[in-house]
Amino acid sequence: MPYDRFNVLRSTVVPLPTENVDTDQIIPARFLKATEREGFGDNLFRDWRYDVEGNPKKDFVLNNPTYKGKILVAGKNFGSGSSREHAVWAIYDYGFRCVVSSFFADIFKNNCLNIGVLPVTVSPGFLDKIFAAVEANPLAEVEIDLDKQKITLVPSGESESFEINAYKKENMKNGFDDIDYLLNIKVEIEEFAEGK
């Protein structure tokens, strides 16, 4: 199942300034039994979103109707801990297409790129500016231009460049994971194998 193509994304954001968020907080281990990627969004940040009776916690940002959008803006060191790709499945299934932070755990970052969620690393100062802008106005938008590798805080026009592997960039633009990419060049592979 291909992922959404990513080119330019302009959206309001959901701010989660907490630092050192690990994958068990993103998707608790008790929800990892499924092998299909659908349905994980219901349990994204489960223990932060709901109390033991399953009631939404009013003080958690995903339960606050003020904040919505396809971009999650997170504190430093997002996605640390175990290497479960289910964490990214949950983020994607919830509706996020981009996570912005000043630092990502390497395995989590690679899982994002394989699952159709663009991880954008910004400077700590730029991250602070995004949080401040959204606190001042929850409707403040951020624009991510993958082709130009640029993130822009729309209200102020301030922007930064971000890095991404060229192969992963093309896959994101086409909505491919690694298998989709190989299937897309199946003819070329067959011709190479036949010595053409």
N, C-alpha and C. Protein backbone atom coordinates (compact mmCIF):
# COMPACT_ATOMS: atom_id res chain seq x y z
N MET A 1 0.85 -1.19 0.00
CA MET A 1 0.00 0.00 0.00
C MET A 1 0.89 1.23 0.00
N PRO A 2 0.89 2.00 -1.09
CA PRO A 2 1.73 3.21 -1.14
C PRO A 2 1.25 4.25 -0.12
N TYR A 3 2.17 5.12 0.25
CA TYR A 3 1.85 6.20 1.17
C TYR A 3 1.48 7.45 0.38
N ASP A 4 0.98 8.46 1.10
CA ASP A 4 0.68 9.74 0.46
C ASP A 4 1.95 10.33 -0.13
N ARG A 5 1.83 10.91 -1.33
CA ARG A 5 2.96 11.63 -1.91
C ARG A 5 3.19 12.90 -1.10
N PHE A 6 4.44 13.27 -0.97
CA PHE A 6 4.78 14.48 -0.20
C PHE A 6 5.51 15.45 -1.11
N ASN A 7 4.96 16.65 -1.26
CA ASN A 7 5.65 17.67 -2.04
C ASN A 7 5.73 18.95 -1.20
N VAL A 8 4.62 19.69 -1.15
CA VAL A 8 4.55 20.86 -0.27
C VAL A 8 3.39 20.64 0.70
N LEU A 9 3.67 20.80 1.97
CA LEU A 9 2.64 20.66 2.99
C LEU A 9 2.56 21.97 3.77
N ARG A 10 1.37 22.56 3.75
CA ARG A 10 1.14 23.78 4.53
C ARG A 10 -0.01 23.49 5.47
N SER A 11 0.23 23.65 6.76
CA SER A 11 -0.77 23.22 7.74
C SER A 11 -0.57 23.95 9.06
N THR A 12 -1.65 24.01 9.83
CA THR A 12 -1.52 24.35 11.24
C THR A 12 -0.80 23.17 11.91
N VAL A 13 -0.36 23.37 13.15
CA VAL A 13 0.44 22.33 13.79
C VAL A 13 -0.13 21.95 15.15
N VAL A 14 0.29 20.77 15.60
CA VAL A 14 -0.02 20.32 16.96
C VAL A 14 1.29 20.40 17.75
N PRO A 15 1.35 21.27 18.78
CA PRO A 15 2.60 21.43 19.53
C PRO A 15 2.71 20.43 20.69
N LEU A 16 3.84 19.76 20.75
CA LEU A 16 4.13 18.84 21.85
C LEU A 16 5.57 19.12 22.31
N PRO A 17 5.76 20.16 23.14
CA PRO A 17 7.11 20.60 23.48
C PRO A 17 7.88 19.68 24.42
N THR A 18 7.28 18.58 24.84
CA THR A 18 7.95 17.63 25.73
C THR A 18 9.21 17.07 25.09
N GLU A 19 10.31 17.03 25.83
CA GLU A 19 11.56 16.46 25.33
C GLU A 19 11.68 14.99 25.70
N ASN A 20 12.54 14.27 24.96
CA ASN A 20 12.85 12.86 25.24
C ASN A 20 11.62 11.96 25.21
N VAL A 21 10.76 12.16 24.22
CA VAL A 21 9.59 11.30 24.05
C VAL A 21 10.05 10.00 23.39
N ASP A 22 9.83 8.87 24.08
CA ASP A 22 10.29 7.61 23.49
C ASP A 22 9.14 6.88 22.80
N THR A 23 9.50 5.82 22.09
CA THR A 23 8.50 5.12 21.27
C THR A 23 7.45 4.42 22.11
N ASP A 24 7.76 4.08 23.36
CA ASP A 24 6.75 3.46 24.22
C ASP A 24 5.71 4.48 24.66
N GLN A 25 6.08 5.74 24.70
CA GLN A 25 5.10 6.78 24.99
C GLN A 25 4.26 7.08 23.74
N ILE A 26 4.89 6.97 22.58
CA ILE A 26 4.17 7.20 21.32
C ILE A 26 3.13 6.11 21.09
N ILE A 27 3.53 4.85 21.27
CA ILE A 27 2.60 3.73 21.15
C ILE A 27 3.00 2.67 22.19
N PRO A 28 2.26 2.55 23.28
CA PRO A 28 2.63 1.59 24.34
C PRO A 28 2.74 0.16 23.82
N ALA A 29 3.64 -0.61 24.42
CA ALA A 29 3.96 -1.96 23.96
C ALA A 29 2.75 -2.88 23.88
N ARG A 30 1.74 -2.66 24.74
CA ARG A 30 0.59 -3.57 24.75
C ARG A 30 -0.26 -3.47 23.47
N PHE A 31 0.03 -2.47 22.64
CA PHE A 31 -0.73 -2.32 21.39
C PHE A 31 0.05 -2.78 20.16
N LEU A 32 1.12 -3.55 20.36
CA LEU A 32 1.98 -3.91 19.23
C LEU A 32 1.65 -5.26 18.61
N LYS A 33 0.56 -5.88 19.01
CA LYS A 33 0.27 -7.23 18.52
C LYS A 33 -0.14 -7.25 17.05
N ALA A 34 -0.77 -6.20 16.58
CA ALA A 34 -1.24 -6.17 15.19
C ALA A 34 -0.06 -6.07 14.23
N THR A 35 -0.23 -6.66 13.06
CA THR A 35 0.81 -6.60 12.04
C THR A 35 0.41 -5.73 10.85
N GLU A 36 -0.87 -5.36 10.75
CA GLU A 36 -1.31 -4.42 9.73
C GLU A 36 -1.07 -3.01 10.24
N ARG A 37 -0.83 -2.05 9.32
CA ARG A 37 -0.49 -0.72 9.79
C ARG A 37 -1.70 0.16 10.12
N GLU A 38 -2.91 -0.31 9.85
CA GLU A 38 -4.09 0.51 10.14
C GLU A 38 -4.52 0.35 11.60
N GLY A 39 -5.14 1.41 12.12
CA GLY A 39 -5.75 1.36 13.44
C GLY A 39 -4.85 1.81 14.59
N PHE A 40 -3.57 2.03 14.33
CA PHE A 40 -2.67 2.41 15.40
C PHE A 40 -2.89 3.85 15.87
N GLY A 41 -3.46 4.69 15.01
CA GLY A 41 -3.69 6.08 15.38
C GLY A 41 -4.60 6.24 16.59
N ASP A 42 -5.50 5.27 16.78
CA ASP A 42 -6.40 5.33 17.94
C ASP A 42 -5.64 5.28 19.25
N ASN A 43 -4.46 4.67 19.23
CA ASN A 43 -3.68 4.51 20.45
C ASN A 43 -2.39 5.35 20.47
N LEU A 44 -2.31 6.31 19.58
CA LEU A 44 -1.17 7.23 19.60
C LEU A 44 -1.17 8.00 20.92
N PHE A 45 -0.05 7.97 21.63
CA PHE A 45 0.09 8.61 22.95
C PHE A 45 -1.03 8.16 23.91
N ARG A 46 -1.38 6.88 23.83
CA ARG A 46 -2.53 6.35 24.57
C ARG A 46 -2.55 6.74 26.05
N ASP A 47 -1.42 6.52 26.73
CA ASP A 47 -1.41 6.76 28.18
C ASP A 47 -1.38 8.23 28.53
N TRP A 48 -1.03 9.08 27.58
CA TRP A 48 -1.10 10.52 27.79
C TRP A 48 -2.48 11.07 27.42
N ARG A 49 -3.13 10.41 26.47
CA ARG A 49 -4.43 10.89 25.99
C ARG A 49 -5.60 10.48 26.87
N TYR A 50 -5.50 9.27 27.48
CA TYR A 50 -6.64 8.72 28.21
C TYR A 50 -6.26 8.28 29.61
N ASP A 51 -7.23 8.37 30.53
CA ASP A 51 -6.99 7.86 31.89
C ASP A 51 -7.25 6.35 31.89
N VAL A 52 -7.13 5.71 33.05
CA VAL A 52 -7.26 4.24 33.13
C VAL A 52 -8.65 3.75 32.75
N GLU A 53 -9.65 4.61 32.86
CA GLU A 53 -11.01 4.23 32.45
C GLU A 53 -11.28 4.50 30.97
N GLY A 54 -10.28 5.06 30.28
CA GLY A 54 -10.45 5.33 28.85
C GLY A 54 -11.06 6.69 28.55
N ASN A 55 -11.13 7.55 29.54
CA ASN A 55 -11.66 8.90 29.33
C ASN A 55 -10.55 9.84 28.87
N PRO A 56 -10.84 10.70 27.88
CA PRO A 56 -9.81 11.64 27.40
C PRO A 56 -9.34 12.58 28.52
N LYS A 57 -8.03 12.78 28.59
CA LYS A 57 -7.45 13.75 29.53
C LYS A 57 -7.50 15.13 28.88
N LYS A 58 -8.23 16.03 29.50
CA LYS A 58 -8.46 17.34 28.89
C LYS A 58 -7.20 18.16 28.69
N ASP A 59 -6.17 17.90 29.50
CA ASP A 59 -4.97 18.74 29.42
C ASP A 59 -3.96 18.25 28.37
N PHE A 60 -4.27 17.15 27.67
CA PHE A 60 -3.33 16.67 26.65
C PHE A 60 -3.66 17.28 25.30
N VAL A 61 -2.64 17.68 24.57
CA VAL A 61 -2.82 18.49 23.36
C VAL A 61 -3.68 17.81 22.28
N LEU A 62 -3.60 16.49 22.13
CA LEU A 62 -4.43 15.84 21.10
C LEU A 62 -5.91 15.86 21.46
N ASN A 63 -6.22 16.13 22.71
CA ASN A 63 -7.62 16.23 23.13
C ASN A 63 -8.10 17.68 23.16
N ASN A 64 -7.25 18.59 22.73
CA ASN A 64 -7.59 20.01 22.74
C ASN A 64 -7.97 20.44 21.31
N PRO A 65 -9.26 20.74 21.08
CA PRO A 65 -9.71 21.08 19.73
C PRO A 65 -9.08 22.36 19.17
N THR A 66 -8.39 23.12 20.02
CA THR A 66 -7.72 24.33 19.56
C THR A 66 -6.61 24.00 18.56
N TYR A 67 -5.98 22.84 18.76
CA TYR A 67 -4.83 22.47 17.93
C TYR A 67 -5.16 21.30 17.00
N LYS A 68 -4.86 21.50 15.74
CA LYS A 68 -5.04 20.42 14.77
C LYS A 68 -4.12 20.70 13.59
N GLY A 69 -3.98 19.70 12.73
CA GLY A 69 -3.14 19.86 11.56
C GLY A 69 -2.40 18.58 11.24
N LYS A 70 -1.64 18.62 10.18
CA LYS A 70 -0.91 17.44 9.71
C LYS A 70 0.55 17.45 10.12
N ILE A 71 0.94 18.45 10.92
CA ILE A 71 2.33 18.58 11.36
C ILE A 71 2.37 18.51 12.89
N LEU A 72 3.16 17.57 13.40
CA LEU A 72 3.40 17.48 14.84
C LEU A 72 4.74 18.15 15.12
N VAL A 73 4.74 19.14 16.00
CA VAL A 73 5.99 19.82 16.36
C VAL A 73 6.35 19.36 17.77
N ALA A 74 7.49 18.67 17.87
CA ALA A 74 7.86 17.99 19.11
C ALA A 74 9.14 18.54 19.71
N GLY A 75 9.32 18.29 21.00
CA GLY A 75 10.53 18.71 21.69
C GLY A 75 11.74 17.88 21.26
N LYS A 76 12.89 18.27 21.75
CA LYS A 76 14.16 17.62 21.41
C LYS A 76 14.18 16.14 21.77
N ASN A 77 14.86 15.35 20.93
CA ASN A 77 15.06 13.91 21.13
C ASN A 77 13.74 13.16 21.06
N PHE A 78 13.05 13.32 19.96
CA PHE A 78 11.77 12.65 19.75
C PHE A 78 12.00 11.28 19.12
N GLY A 79 11.33 10.25 19.65
CA GLY A 79 11.41 8.91 19.07
C GLY A 79 12.54 8.06 19.59
N SER A 80 13.03 8.38 20.78
CA SER A 80 14.10 7.57 21.36
C SER A 80 13.52 6.24 21.87
N GLY A 81 14.40 5.38 22.38
CA GLY A 81 13.93 4.10 22.91
C GLY A 81 13.95 3.00 21.88
N SER A 82 13.05 2.04 22.01
CA SER A 82 13.06 0.86 21.14
C SER A 82 12.76 1.25 19.70
N SER A 83 13.11 0.35 18.79
CA SER A 83 13.08 0.69 17.36
C SER A 83 11.74 0.40 16.69
N ARG A 84 10.68 0.25 17.44
CA ARG A 84 9.39 -0.17 16.87
C ARG A 84 8.88 0.77 15.78
N GLU A 85 8.64 0.22 14.59
CA GLU A 85 8.08 1.04 13.53
C GLU A 85 6.61 1.33 13.77
N HIS A 86 5.99 0.59 14.69
CA HIS A 86 4.59 0.84 15.04
C HIS A 86 4.38 2.28 15.51
N ALA A 87 5.42 2.88 16.11
CA ALA A 87 5.31 4.27 16.57
C ALA A 87 5.03 5.19 15.40
N VAL A 88 5.71 4.96 14.29
CA VAL A 88 5.47 5.79 13.11
C VAL A 88 4.15 5.42 12.45
N TRP A 89 3.79 4.14 12.46
CA TRP A 89 2.48 3.75 11.95
C TRP A 89 1.39 4.52 12.67
N ALA A 90 1.52 4.66 14.00
CA ALA A 90 0.51 5.37 14.80
C ALA A 90 0.45 6.85 14.42
N ILE A 91 1.62 7.45 14.23
CA ILE A 91 1.67 8.87 13.83
C ILE A 91 1.03 9.07 12.47
N TYR A 92 1.37 8.19 11.52
CA TYR A 92 0.81 8.28 10.16
C TYR A 92 -0.70 8.02 10.18
N ASP A 93 -1.10 6.97 10.88
CA ASP A 93 -2.52 6.60 10.91
C ASP A 93 -3.38 7.67 11.58
N TYR A 94 -2.79 8.40 12.53
CA TYR A 94 -3.53 9.49 13.18
C TYR A 94 -3.78 10.64 12.21
N GLY A 95 -2.90 10.79 11.22
CA GLY A 95 -3.08 11.85 10.23
C GLY A 95 -1.91 12.79 10.07
N PHE A 96 -0.87 12.60 10.87
CA PHE A 96 0.32 13.46 10.72
C PHE A 96 1.13 13.00 9.52
N ARG A 97 1.65 13.97 8.76
CA ARG A 97 2.50 13.65 7.61
C ARG A 97 3.92 14.19 7.80
N CYS A 98 4.12 14.94 8.89
CA CYS A 98 5.43 15.51 9.17
C CYS A 98 5.59 15.68 10.67
N VAL A 99 6.80 15.38 11.16
CA VAL A 99 7.15 15.66 12.54
C VAL A 99 8.37 16.59 12.51
N VAL A 100 8.29 17.68 13.26
CA VAL A 100 9.38 18.66 13.33
C VAL A 100 9.97 18.59 14.73
N SER A 101 11.29 18.52 14.83
CA SER A 101 11.97 18.53 16.11
C SER A 101 13.39 19.04 15.90
N SER A 102 14.07 19.32 17.00
CA SER A 102 15.48 19.73 16.88
C SER A 102 16.41 18.53 16.90
N PHE A 103 15.88 17.34 17.26
CA PHE A 103 16.70 16.12 17.23
C PHE A 103 15.79 14.90 17.24
N PHE A 104 16.10 13.94 16.36
CA PHE A 104 15.38 12.66 16.31
C PHE A 104 16.35 11.51 16.59
N ALA A 105 15.83 10.47 17.23
CA ALA A 105 16.60 9.24 17.33
C ALA A 105 16.76 8.68 15.92
N ASP A 106 17.95 8.16 15.59
CA ASP A 106 18.25 7.72 14.22
C ASP A 106 17.29 6.66 13.70
N ILE A 107 17.02 5.62 14.50
CA ILE A 107 16.15 4.54 14.01
C ILE A 107 14.74 5.07 13.77
N PHE A 108 14.26 5.91 14.68
CA PHE A 108 12.93 6.49 14.49
C PHE A 108 12.89 7.33 13.21
N LYS A 109 13.92 8.12 12.99
CA LYS A 109 13.98 8.97 11.79
C LYS A 109 13.93 8.11 10.53
N ASN A 110 14.69 7.03 10.50
CA ASN A 110 14.67 6.14 9.33
C ASN A 110 13.33 5.47 9.16
N ASN A 111 12.69 5.07 10.27
CA ASN A 111 11.36 4.48 10.18
C ASN A 111 10.36 5.48 9.58
N CYS A 112 10.47 6.74 9.99
CA CYS A 112 9.60 7.79 9.42
C CYS A 112 9.75 7.83 7.91
N LEU A 113 10.98 7.87 7.44
CA LEU A 113 11.24 7.98 6.00
C LEU A 113 10.76 6.75 5.24
N ASN A 114 10.69 5.60 5.90
CA ASN A 114 10.20 4.37 5.27
C ASN A 114 8.69 4.26 5.29
N ILE A 115 8.03 5.08 6.12
CA ILE A 115 6.59 4.92 6.33
C ILE A 115 5.79 6.13 5.88
N GLY A 116 6.43 7.12 5.29
CA GLY A 116 5.68 8.24 4.73
C GLY A 116 5.46 9.42 5.64
N VAL A 117 6.23 9.50 6.73
CA VAL A 117 6.18 10.66 7.63
C VAL A 117 7.51 11.38 7.47
N LEU A 118 7.48 12.65 7.10
CA LEU A 118 8.72 13.40 6.89
C LEU A 118 9.24 13.93 8.22
N PRO A 119 10.45 13.49 8.65
CA PRO A 119 11.05 14.06 9.86
C PRO A 119 11.90 15.27 9.48
N VAL A 120 11.55 16.43 10.00
CA VAL A 120 12.27 17.66 9.67
C VAL A 120 13.03 18.13 10.91
N THR A 121 14.36 18.14 10.79
CA THR A 121 15.20 18.58 11.90
C THR A 121 15.52 20.06 11.73
N VAL A 122 15.19 20.84 12.76
CA VAL A 122 15.44 22.29 12.74
C VAL A 122 16.36 22.65 13.90
N SER A 123 16.88 23.85 13.88
CA SER A 123 17.72 24.32 14.98
C SER A 123 16.85 24.52 16.23
N PRO A 124 17.45 24.41 17.43
CA PRO A 124 16.67 24.65 18.65
C PRO A 124 16.00 26.03 18.65
N GLY A 125 16.67 27.03 18.11
CA GLY A 125 16.10 28.38 18.07
C GLY A 125 14.87 28.46 17.18
N PHE A 126 14.93 27.79 16.02
CA PHE A 126 13.78 27.81 15.11
C PHE A 126 12.61 27.03 15.71
N LEU A 127 12.92 25.93 16.39
CA LEU A 127 11.87 25.16 17.07
C LEU A 127 11.16 26.03 18.10
N ASP A 128 11.93 26.78 18.86
CA ASP A 128 11.34 27.69 19.87
C ASP A 128 10.44 28.72 19.21
N LYS A 129 10.85 29.21 18.04
CA LYS A 129 10.02 30.20 17.32
C LYS A 129 8.69 29.61 16.88
N ILE A 130 8.71 28.34 16.46
CA ILE A 130 7.45 27.69 16.06
C ILE A 130 6.53 27.56 17.28
N PHE A 131 7.08 27.07 18.39
CA PHE A 131 6.26 26.92 19.60
C PHE A 131 5.68 28.27 20.04
N ALA A 132 6.49 29.32 19.98
CA ALA A 132 6.03 30.65 20.40
C ALA A 132 4.93 31.16 19.47
N ALA A 133 5.10 30.95 18.16
CA ALA A 133 4.10 31.42 17.19
C ALA A 133 2.77 30.70 17.38
N VAL A 134 2.83 29.39 17.65
CA VAL A 134 1.59 28.62 17.82
C VAL A 134 0.92 28.94 19.15
N GLU A 135 1.74 29.24 20.16
CA GLU A 135 1.16 29.65 21.45
C GLU A 135 0.44 30.99 21.29
N ALA A 136 1.02 31.89 20.51
CA ALA A 136 0.40 33.20 20.27
C ALA A 136 -0.84 33.09 19.39
N ASN A 137 -0.80 32.16 18.43
CA ASN A 137 -1.92 31.98 17.50
C ASN A 137 -1.98 30.53 17.06
N PRO A 138 -2.91 29.73 17.61
CA PRO A 138 -3.01 28.31 17.24
C PRO A 138 -3.28 28.08 15.76
N LEU A 139 -3.70 29.12 15.04
CA LEU A 139 -3.94 28.97 13.60
C LEU A 139 -2.70 29.28 12.76
N ALA A 140 -1.59 29.58 13.43
CA ALA A 140 -0.34 29.84 12.71
C ALA A 140 0.05 28.59 11.90
N GLU A 141 0.44 28.82 10.66
CA GLU A 141 0.77 27.70 9.77
C GLU A 141 2.28 27.57 9.57
N VAL A 142 2.67 26.35 9.26
CA VAL A 142 4.04 26.03 8.88
C VAL A 142 3.98 25.41 7.50
N GLU A 143 4.92 25.78 6.64
CA GLU A 143 4.98 25.19 5.30
C GLU A 143 6.27 24.39 5.15
N ILE A 144 6.12 23.16 4.68
CA ILE A 144 7.26 22.29 4.42
C ILE A 144 7.34 22.07 2.92
N ASP A 145 8.43 22.49 2.31
CA ASP A 145 8.66 22.29 0.88
C ASP A 145 9.76 21.24 0.74
N LEU A 146 9.36 20.02 0.39
CA LEU A 146 10.32 18.93 0.32
C LEU A 146 11.30 19.13 -0.82
N ASP A 147 10.81 19.57 -1.96
CA ASP A 147 11.69 19.75 -3.11
C ASP A 147 12.82 20.74 -2.80
N LYS A 148 12.46 21.86 -2.16
CA LYS A 148 13.45 22.88 -1.81
C LYS A 148 14.14 22.59 -0.47
N GLN A 149 13.64 21.56 0.24
CA GLN A 149 14.15 21.21 1.56
C GLN A 149 14.15 22.43 2.49
N LYS A 150 12.97 23.04 2.57
CA LYS A 150 12.83 24.28 3.34
C LYS A 150 11.57 24.23 4.19
N ILE A 151 11.71 24.67 5.43
CA ILE A 151 10.57 24.80 6.33
C ILE A 151 10.39 26.28 6.63
N THR A 152 9.15 26.76 6.53
CA THR A 152 8.86 28.18 6.72
C THR A 152 7.77 28.37 7.77
N LEU A 153 8.03 29.27 8.69
CA LEU A 153 7.01 29.69 9.65
C LEU A 153 6.22 30.79 8.94
N VAL A 154 5.02 30.46 8.50
CA VAL A 154 4.27 31.34 7.60
C VAL A 154 4.02 32.74 8.17
N PRO A 155 3.59 32.90 9.44
CA PRO A 155 3.30 34.26 9.93
C PRO A 155 4.47 35.24 9.83
N SER A 156 5.68 34.75 10.08
CA SER A 156 6.84 35.65 10.06
C SER A 156 7.63 35.56 8.77
N GLY A 157 7.43 34.48 8.01
CA GLY A 157 8.20 34.27 6.79
C GLY A 157 9.59 33.72 7.04
N GLU A 158 9.94 33.49 8.30
CA GLU A 158 11.26 32.94 8.62
C GLU A 158 11.34 31.48 8.17
N SER A 159 12.50 31.09 7.67
CA SER A 159 12.63 29.72 7.18
C SER A 159 14.01 29.15 7.49
N GLU A 160 14.10 27.85 7.41
CA GLU A 160 15.36 27.13 7.56
C GLU A 160 15.40 26.01 6.53
N SER A 161 16.59 25.60 6.17
CA SER A 161 16.77 24.44 5.30
C SER A 161 16.89 23.20 6.18
N PHE A 162 16.52 22.05 5.59
CA PHE A 162 16.70 20.79 6.32
C PHE A 162 17.31 19.75 5.38
N GLU A 163 17.95 18.78 5.97
CA GLU A 163 18.64 17.74 5.21
C GLU A 163 17.75 16.51 5.05
N ILE A 164 17.92 15.83 3.92
CA ILE A 164 17.26 14.54 3.70
C ILE A 164 18.05 13.78 2.65
N ASN A 165 18.18 12.49 2.84
CA ASN A 165 18.84 11.62 1.88
C ASN A 165 18.13 11.70 0.54
N ALA A 166 18.89 11.81 -0.55
CA ALA A 166 18.29 12.02 -1.89
C ALA A 166 17.36 10.88 -2.29
N TYR A 167 17.74 9.64 -1.99
CA TYR A 167 16.91 8.48 -2.31
C TYR A 167 15.59 8.52 -1.54
N LYS A 168 15.68 8.81 -0.24
CA LYS A 168 14.48 8.88 0.59
C LYS A 168 13.59 10.06 0.16
N LYS A 169 14.22 11.13 -0.26
CA LYS A 169 13.47 12.30 -0.74
C LYS A 169 12.61 11.92 -1.94
N GLU A 170 13.20 11.22 -2.90
CA GLU A 170 12.45 10.81 -4.09
C GLU A 170 11.33 9.84 -3.72
N ASN A 171 11.62 8.94 -2.79
CA ASN A 171 10.57 8.02 -2.35
C ASN A 171 9.42 8.76 -1.69
N MET A 172 9.72 9.75 -0.85
CA MET A 172 8.67 10.53 -0.20
C MET A 172 7.84 11.27 -1.25
N LYS A 173 8.49 11.83 -2.26
CA LYS A 173 7.77 12.57 -3.30
C LYS A 173 6.84 11.67 -4.11
N ASN A 174 7.21 10.38 -4.22
CA ASN A 174 6.41 9.43 -4.98
C ASN A 174 5.47 8.59 -4.13
N GLY A 175 5.57 8.72 -2.80
CA GLY A 175 4.75 7.91 -1.90
C GLY A 175 5.20 6.47 -1.83
N PHE A 176 6.51 6.24 -2.02
CA PHE A 176 7.06 4.88 -2.05
C PHE A 176 7.73 4.52 -0.73
N ASP A 177 7.63 3.23 -0.36
CA ASP A 177 8.58 2.67 0.59
C ASP A 177 9.63 1.94 -0.24
N ASP A 178 10.55 1.23 0.39
CA ASP A 178 11.64 0.60 -0.36
C ASP A 178 11.13 -0.45 -1.35
N ILE A 179 10.10 -1.20 -0.96
CA ILE A 179 9.55 -2.24 -1.85
C ILE A 179 8.84 -1.59 -3.03
N ASP A 180 8.06 -0.54 -2.77
CA ASP A 180 7.40 0.18 -3.87
C ASP A 180 8.42 0.69 -4.88
N TYR A 181 9.56 1.18 -4.37
CA TYR A 181 10.61 1.69 -5.25
C TYR A 181 11.12 0.58 -6.16
N LEU A 182 11.40 -0.58 -5.57
CA LEU A 182 11.90 -1.71 -6.37
C LEU A 182 10.87 -2.17 -7.40
N LEU A 183 9.61 -2.21 -7.00
CA LEU A 183 8.55 -2.59 -7.95
C LEU A 183 8.45 -1.59 -9.09
N ASN A 184 8.72 -0.32 -8.77
CA ASN A 184 8.64 0.73 -9.78
C ASN A 184 9.73 0.60 -10.84
N ILE A 185 10.86 0.00 -10.46
CA ILE A 185 11.95 -0.18 -11.43
C ILE A 185 12.13 -1.65 -11.80
N LYS A 186 11.05 -2.41 -11.69
CA LYS A 186 11.11 -3.86 -11.97
C LYS A 186 11.64 -4.15 -13.37
N VAL A 187 11.20 -3.40 -14.36
CA VAL A 187 11.64 -3.64 -15.75
C VAL A 187 13.15 -3.44 -15.87
N GLU A 188 13.65 -2.34 -15.28
CA GLU A 188 15.09 -2.08 -15.33
C GLU A 188 15.89 -3.19 -14.63
N ILE A 189 15.36 -3.70 -13.51
CA ILE A 189 16.03 -4.78 -12.79
C ILE A 189 16.08 -6.04 -13.65
N GLU A 190 14.94 -6.35 -14.28
CA GLU A 190 14.89 -7.54 -15.13
C GLU A 190 15.83 -7.43 -16.32
N GLU A 191 15.88 -6.23 -16.91
CA GLU A 191 16.78 -6.02 -18.05
C GLU A 191 18.24 -6.14 -17.62
N PHE A 192 18.55 -5.63 -16.45
CA PHE A 192 19.92 -5.75 -15.93
C PHE A 192 20.28 -7.21 -15.69
N ALA A 193 19.32 -7.95 -15.09
CA ALA A 193 19.55 -9.37 -14.79
C ALA A 193 19.76 -10.17 -16.07
N GLU A 194 19.10 -9.75 -17.15
CA GLU A 194 19.23 -10.46 -18.42
C GLU A 194 20.44 -9.98 -19.22
N GLY A 195 21.16 -9.00 -18.68
CA GLY A 195 22.36 -8.50 -19.37
C GLY A 195 22.08 -7.56 -20.50
N LYS A 196 20.92 -6.91 -20.49
CA LYS A 196 20.56 -5.98 -21.56
C LYS A 196 21.12 -4.59 -21.29
